[in-house]
Protein backbone atom coordinates (compact mmCIF):
# COMPACT_ATOMS: atom_id res chain seq x y z
CA MET A 1 12.63 23.03 10.88
CA GLY A 2 14.71 20.26 12.48
CA ILE A 3 14.02 16.57 12.89
CA PRO A 4 10.29 15.83 12.54
CA SER A 5 8.76 15.00 15.92
CA ARG A 6 5.04 15.57 15.25
CA VAL A 7 3.63 13.25 12.58
CA THR A 8 0.06 13.01 11.36
CA VAL A 9 -1.09 9.87 9.54
CA ILE A 10 -4.20 10.31 7.40
CA GLY A 11 -5.82 6.95 6.74
CA LEU A 12 -5.67 4.26 9.44
CA GLY A 13 -6.54 1.22 7.36
CA ALA A 14 -4.72 -2.09 6.96
CA THR A 15 -1.26 -0.52 6.71
CA GLY A 16 -1.94 3.03 7.91
CA LEU A 17 -2.65 1.88 11.47
CA PRO A 18 0.53 -0.19 11.90
CA ILE A 19 2.55 2.67 10.35
CA ALA A 20 1.09 5.11 12.87
CA SER A 21 1.63 2.67 15.74
CA ARG A 22 5.22 2.02 14.68
CA LEU A 23 6.00 5.73 14.65
CA ALA A 24 4.38 6.17 18.06
CA ASP A 25 6.49 3.30 19.40
CA ARG A 26 9.58 5.10 18.08
CA ASP A 27 8.72 8.18 20.15
CA PHE A 28 7.16 10.36 17.47
CA ALA A 29 4.15 12.39 18.57
CA VAL A 30 1.57 10.77 16.29
CA THR A 31 -1.91 11.98 15.46
CA GLY A 32 -4.25 9.87 13.36
CA VAL A 33 -7.02 10.98 11.03
CA GLU A 34 -9.70 8.47 10.03
CA ILE A 35 -13.36 8.85 9.06
CA ASN A 36 -14.36 5.17 9.28
CA PRO A 37 -15.93 4.59 12.73
CA HIS A 38 -14.66 1.01 13.06
CA ARG A 39 -11.12 2.03 12.17
CA ARG A 40 -11.32 4.97 14.57
CA ALA A 41 -12.32 2.64 17.38
CA THR A 42 -9.50 0.24 16.55
CA ALA A 43 -6.98 3.10 16.48
CA LEU A 44 -8.16 4.37 19.86
CA ALA A 45 -7.94 0.85 21.28
CA ASN A 46 -4.34 0.79 20.08
CA GLY A 47 -3.58 3.95 22.05
CA LEU A 48 -3.41 6.40 19.17
CA THR A 49 -4.46 10.02 19.45
CA LEU A 50 -7.08 11.02 16.88
CA ALA A 51 -7.99 14.46 15.58
CA GLU A 52 -9.89 16.08 12.75
CA LEU A 53 -8.64 18.12 9.85
CA PRO A 54 -7.59 20.90 9.51
CA ALA A 55 -6.25 20.94 13.09
CA ALA A 56 -4.50 17.58 12.61
CA ALA A 57 -2.45 19.04 9.74
CA ASP A 58 -0.43 21.08 12.27
CA ALA A 59 2.54 18.69 12.22
CA ASP A 60 6.13 18.46 11.02
CA ALA A 61 5.19 15.70 8.60
CA VAL A 62 1.82 14.55 7.27
CA ILE A 63 1.62 11.03 5.85
CA LEU A 64 -1.07 10.21 3.30
CA GLN A 65 -2.10 6.56 3.62
CA VAL A 66 -5.50 6.80 1.98
CA THR A 67 -6.77 4.31 -0.57
CA ASN A 68 -6.61 6.06 -3.92
CA ALA A 69 -5.84 9.17 -5.95
CA GLU A 70 -9.40 10.46 -5.64
CA GLN A 71 -9.07 10.66 -1.87
CA VAL A 72 -5.71 12.44 -2.09
CA SER A 73 -7.22 14.89 -4.57
CA ALA A 74 -10.14 15.57 -2.23
CA LEU A 75 -7.84 16.25 0.72
CA LEU A 76 -5.77 18.73 -1.27
CA ALA A 77 -8.89 20.39 -2.65
CA ASP A 78 -10.11 20.81 0.93
CA GLY A 79 -6.95 22.76 1.80
CA LEU A 80 -4.73 20.15 3.45
CA ALA A 81 -1.48 21.73 2.26
CA GLN A 82 -2.64 25.23 3.21
CA SER A 83 -3.34 23.97 6.74
CA MET A 84 0.20 22.62 7.21
CA PRO A 85 2.79 24.85 8.92
CA GLU A 86 5.75 26.37 7.11
CA GLY A 87 8.64 23.94 6.98
CA SER A 88 6.49 20.81 7.17
CA THR A 89 6.50 18.03 4.57
CA LEU A 90 3.76 15.98 2.93
CA LEU A 91 4.60 12.28 2.44
CA LEU A 92 2.58 10.54 -0.27
CA MET A 93 2.68 6.88 0.79
CA SER A 94 -0.46 5.84 -1.09
CA THR A 95 -0.03 4.08 -4.45
CA VAL A 96 -1.63 6.40 -6.98
CA GLY A 97 0.61 6.26 -10.07
CA PRO A 98 3.27 8.69 -11.33
CA GLU A 99 1.10 11.28 -13.08
CA PRO A 100 -1.28 11.88 -10.16
CA ALA A 101 1.71 12.07 -7.80
CA ARG A 102 3.28 14.81 -9.89
CA ARG A 103 -0.01 16.69 -10.01
CA PHE A 104 -0.37 16.46 -6.24
CA ALA A 105 3.20 17.69 -5.80
CA ASP A 106 2.43 20.74 -7.93
CA GLN A 107 -0.65 21.49 -5.83
CA ALA A 108 1.25 21.15 -2.56
CA THR A 109 4.18 23.23 -3.81
CA ALA A 110 1.79 25.99 -4.84
CA ALA A 111 0.74 26.12 -1.17
CA GLY A 112 4.37 26.24 -0.05
CA ILE A 113 4.56 22.61 1.12
CA PRO A 114 7.00 20.09 -0.41
CA LEU A 115 5.72 16.62 -1.25
CA VAL A 116 7.87 13.50 -1.25
CA ASP A 117 6.84 10.36 -3.08
CA VAL A 118 7.18 7.28 -0.83
CA PRO A 119 4.96 4.31 -1.74
CA PHE A 120 6.10 1.08 -0.13
CA THR A 121 5.91 -2.69 -0.12
CA GLY A 122 5.88 -5.10 2.77
CA GLY A 123 2.35 -5.48 4.11
CA ILE A 124 0.92 -5.33 7.60
CA ASP A 125 3.46 -7.45 9.50
CA ARG A 126 6.47 -5.63 8.09
CA ALA A 127 4.81 -2.28 8.74
CA ARG A 128 4.47 -3.25 12.40
CA ALA A 129 8.12 -4.34 12.53
CA GLY A 130 9.49 -1.27 10.72
CA GLU A 131 10.74 -3.42 7.84
CA LEU A 132 8.99 -1.85 4.85
CA ASN A 133 10.75 -1.22 1.56
CA LEU A 134 10.06 2.46 0.85
CA PHE A 135 10.37 3.67 -2.75
CA ALA A 136 11.53 7.21 -1.95
CA ALA A 137 11.67 9.97 -4.57
CA GLY A 138 11.71 13.74 -4.53
CA ASP A 139 13.98 16.69 -3.92
CA PRO A 140 17.00 15.38 -1.95
CA ALA A 141 16.66 18.15 0.64
CA ASP A 142 13.00 17.27 1.21
CA LEU A 143 13.82 13.58 1.55
CA GLU A 144 16.63 14.33 3.99
CA ARG A 145 14.22 16.29 6.18
CA VAL A 146 11.97 13.25 6.65
CA ARG A 147 14.76 10.67 6.79
CA PRO A 148 14.13 9.90 10.50
CA VAL A 149 10.48 9.09 9.73
CA LEU A 150 11.47 6.79 6.87
CA ALA A 151 14.18 5.11 8.95
CA ALA A 152 11.61 4.26 11.62
CA LEU A 153 9.44 2.54 9.02
CA GLY A 154 12.02 0.55 7.07
CA ASN A 155 14.56 0.75 4.28
CA ALA A 156 14.34 3.77 1.98
CA VAL A 157 15.26 2.80 -1.60
CA GLU A 158 16.50 5.89 -3.46
CA CYS A 159 14.42 6.00 -6.64
CA GLY A 160 15.14 9.44 -8.08
CA SER A 161 14.90 13.15 -7.54
CA GLU A 162 11.52 13.57 -9.24
CA VAL A 163 8.16 13.00 -7.60
CA GLY A 164 6.55 10.11 -9.48
CA ASP A 165 9.74 8.06 -9.68
CA GLY A 166 8.82 6.25 -6.47
CA GLN A 167 5.38 5.50 -7.88
CA SER A 168 6.95 4.04 -11.02
CA PHE A 169 9.17 1.73 -8.95
CA LYS A 170 6.12 0.67 -6.98
CA LEU A 171 4.25 -0.19 -10.20
CA VAL A 172 7.07 -2.55 -11.18
CA ASN A 173 6.81 -4.18 -7.77
CA GLN A 174 3.02 -4.44 -8.00
CA LEU A 175 3.20 -6.09 -11.42
CA LEU A 176 5.32 -8.85 -9.91
CA THR A 177 3.26 -9.30 -6.76
CA SER A 178 -0.10 -9.13 -8.56
CA VAL A 179 0.94 -11.79 -11.06
CA HIS A 180 2.72 -14.04 -8.54
CA ILE A 181 -0.27 -14.14 -6.18
CA CYS A 182 -2.57 -15.07 -9.07
CA ALA A 183 -0.08 -17.68 -10.29
CA ALA A 184 -0.04 -19.28 -6.84
CA ALA A 185 -3.84 -19.25 -6.69
CA GLU A 186 -4.14 -20.70 -10.19
CA ALA A 187 -1.69 -23.51 -9.40
CA LEU A 188 -3.55 -24.56 -6.25
CA ALA A 189 -6.90 -24.24 -8.02
CA LEU A 190 -5.53 -26.51 -10.79
CA ALA A 191 -4.47 -29.08 -8.20
CA GLU A 192 -8.02 -29.09 -6.84
CA ALA A 193 -9.52 -29.31 -10.34
CA LEU A 194 -7.31 -32.33 -11.07
CA GLY A 195 -8.72 -34.09 -8.02
CA LEU A 196 -5.57 -33.66 -5.93
CA ASP A 197 -5.38 -32.67 -2.30
CA PRO A 198 -4.31 -29.01 -2.68
CA ALA A 199 -2.38 -29.11 0.60
CA LYS A 200 -0.33 -32.07 -0.57
CA ALA A 201 0.24 -30.41 -3.94
CA PHE A 202 1.42 -27.25 -2.16
CA ASP A 203 3.89 -29.25 -0.06
CA ALA A 204 5.16 -31.00 -3.19
CA VAL A 205 5.90 -27.83 -5.19
CA VAL A 206 6.62 -25.11 -2.64
CA ASP A 207 10.36 -25.83 -2.67
CA GLY A 208 10.58 -26.89 -6.31
CA ALA A 209 11.78 -25.02 -9.38
CA GLY A 210 8.51 -23.09 -9.54
CA ARG A 211 8.79 -21.84 -5.98
CA SER A 212 8.24 -18.21 -5.11
CA TRP A 213 8.11 -16.22 -1.89
CA LEU A 214 4.47 -15.37 -2.56
CA LEU A 215 3.51 -19.01 -3.08
CA ALA A 216 5.16 -19.93 0.22
CA ASP A 217 3.57 -16.98 2.02
CA ARG A 218 0.06 -16.91 0.51
CA GLY A 219 -0.37 -20.62 -0.26
CA PRO A 220 -1.17 -21.69 3.32
CA ARG A 221 -3.74 -18.91 3.64
CA MET A 222 -5.28 -19.87 0.29
CA LEU A 223 -5.77 -23.35 1.71
CA GLN A 224 -7.51 -21.92 4.80
CA GLY A 225 -10.31 -20.44 2.71
CA ASP A 226 -12.83 -18.44 4.74
CA HIS A 227 -10.72 -18.93 7.86
CA ALA A 228 -7.68 -17.12 6.43
CA PRO A 229 -6.56 -14.23 8.66
CA MET A 230 -6.44 -10.72 7.22
CA VAL A 231 -2.78 -10.00 6.55
CA SER A 232 -2.89 -8.11 3.26
CA SER A 233 -6.09 -6.69 1.80
CA LEU A 234 -7.37 -7.96 -1.53
CA ALA A 235 -8.65 -4.43 -2.19
CA ILE A 236 -5.02 -3.32 -2.61
CA PHE A 237 -4.48 -5.62 -5.58
CA ILE A 238 -7.88 -4.98 -7.08
CA LYS A 239 -6.80 -1.34 -7.31
CA ASP A 240 -3.10 -1.74 -8.02
CA SER A 241 -3.29 -4.43 -10.70
CA ALA A 242 -5.66 -2.20 -12.68
CA LEU A 243 -3.32 0.75 -12.08
CA VAL A 244 -0.32 -1.20 -13.38
CA ALA A 245 -2.21 -2.46 -16.42
CA GLU A 246 -3.30 1.07 -17.27
CA ALA A 247 0.22 2.46 -16.83
CA ALA A 248 1.69 -0.28 -19.02
CA ASP A 249 -0.87 0.41 -21.73
CA GLN A 250 -0.06 4.14 -21.62
CA ALA A 251 3.64 3.33 -21.87
CA GLY A 252 3.01 1.17 -24.96
CA LEU A 253 3.91 -2.12 -23.26
CA ASP A 254 1.88 -5.22 -24.08
CA ALA A 255 1.75 -6.39 -20.43
CA ARG A 256 -0.49 -9.41 -20.88
CA LEU A 257 0.23 -11.11 -17.57
CA VAL A 258 -0.76 -8.19 -15.36
CA THR A 259 -3.74 -7.47 -17.61
CA ALA A 260 -4.94 -11.03 -17.03
CA ALA A 261 -4.25 -10.69 -13.31
CA ALA A 262 -6.26 -7.47 -13.18
CA GLU A 263 -9.22 -9.34 -14.70
CA ILE A 264 -8.94 -12.03 -12.02
CA TYR A 265 -8.85 -9.46 -9.22
CA ALA A 266 -11.85 -7.71 -10.77
CA ARG A 267 -13.67 -11.06 -10.72
CA ALA A 268 -12.81 -11.42 -7.02
CA ALA A 269 -14.16 -7.92 -6.41
CA ALA A 270 -17.43 -8.88 -8.12
CA LEU A 271 -17.68 -11.81 -5.69
CA GLY A 272 -17.60 -9.35 -2.78
CA LEU A 273 -14.08 -10.27 -1.66
CA ALA A 274 -12.52 -6.79 -1.57
CA ASP A 275 -12.32 -6.84 2.23
CA ALA A 276 -10.86 -10.36 2.37
CA ASP A 277 -7.19 -11.29 2.61
CA ASP A 278 -5.55 -11.14 -0.82
CA SER A 279 -4.92 -14.90 -0.69
CA GLN A 280 -8.65 -15.34 -1.25
CA VAL A 281 -8.29 -14.38 -4.90
CA ILE A 282 -8.19 -18.17 -5.29
CA ARG A 283 -11.95 -18.13 -4.83
CA ALA A 284 -12.30 -16.36 -8.20
CA TYR A 285 -11.02 -19.64 -9.73
CA GLN A 286 -13.07 -21.88 -7.49
CA GLU A 287 -16.30 -20.03 -8.25
CA ASP A 288 -15.79 -20.68 -11.97
CA ARG A 289 -16.01 -24.43 -11.50
């Protein structure tokens, strides 16, 4: 099979929808699959074509942008790979961890479909702009086949020839982002606890020695509170921080910072903030006071 032209995106959530829209804008024939009625309506309003499985699996490339490993497992158990045509490729863009990714690759390969491991970082805005960092791993021939799809979405970072390598790179990235977002939230919450104007404190430190890209990016939204726009879902870090902490523990690393961050995100989840912007993790600190 030549250059992929028909692409199916399964999962049209916070990043799945802009990924599908970006590919459609780049002249791929895109079909979306989504079970959530609100997300389906949003996708249709954005001009996407929707279909149901297994018919939607008839594509050159199928992108998995579902939330977790359990959903990927369910799709494969329902015969996703068997429904894909010969010569097509399955792209695992969900963050699930290295071991599940390897298991899913074995299942797909048994059905005659190669799987490439391509989790990413960048968020909603960079997905729309085609500026994601894609942690690409898998058989070089399989990766080459889907190179045009990856090029439309951003920069493919070569992570290795084994499925799971991309997931491992993504875990390193998620450790940093999980901890940095919590550090920014904790700093602004401390300013408030000390009786300072958090906005003035933010302006005072944002360009100082303790600056970070995530403080500069998330800080203003943390200060907006309930009015913060949805740019990056808190649910992502509730899941991923726990995933990183578990992987570190299995690897024998005493990763105390991400373990603490995972506890903070879990506290935010208990407050019902999973569907909020990730900047609102600051409310886990504010609720404690």
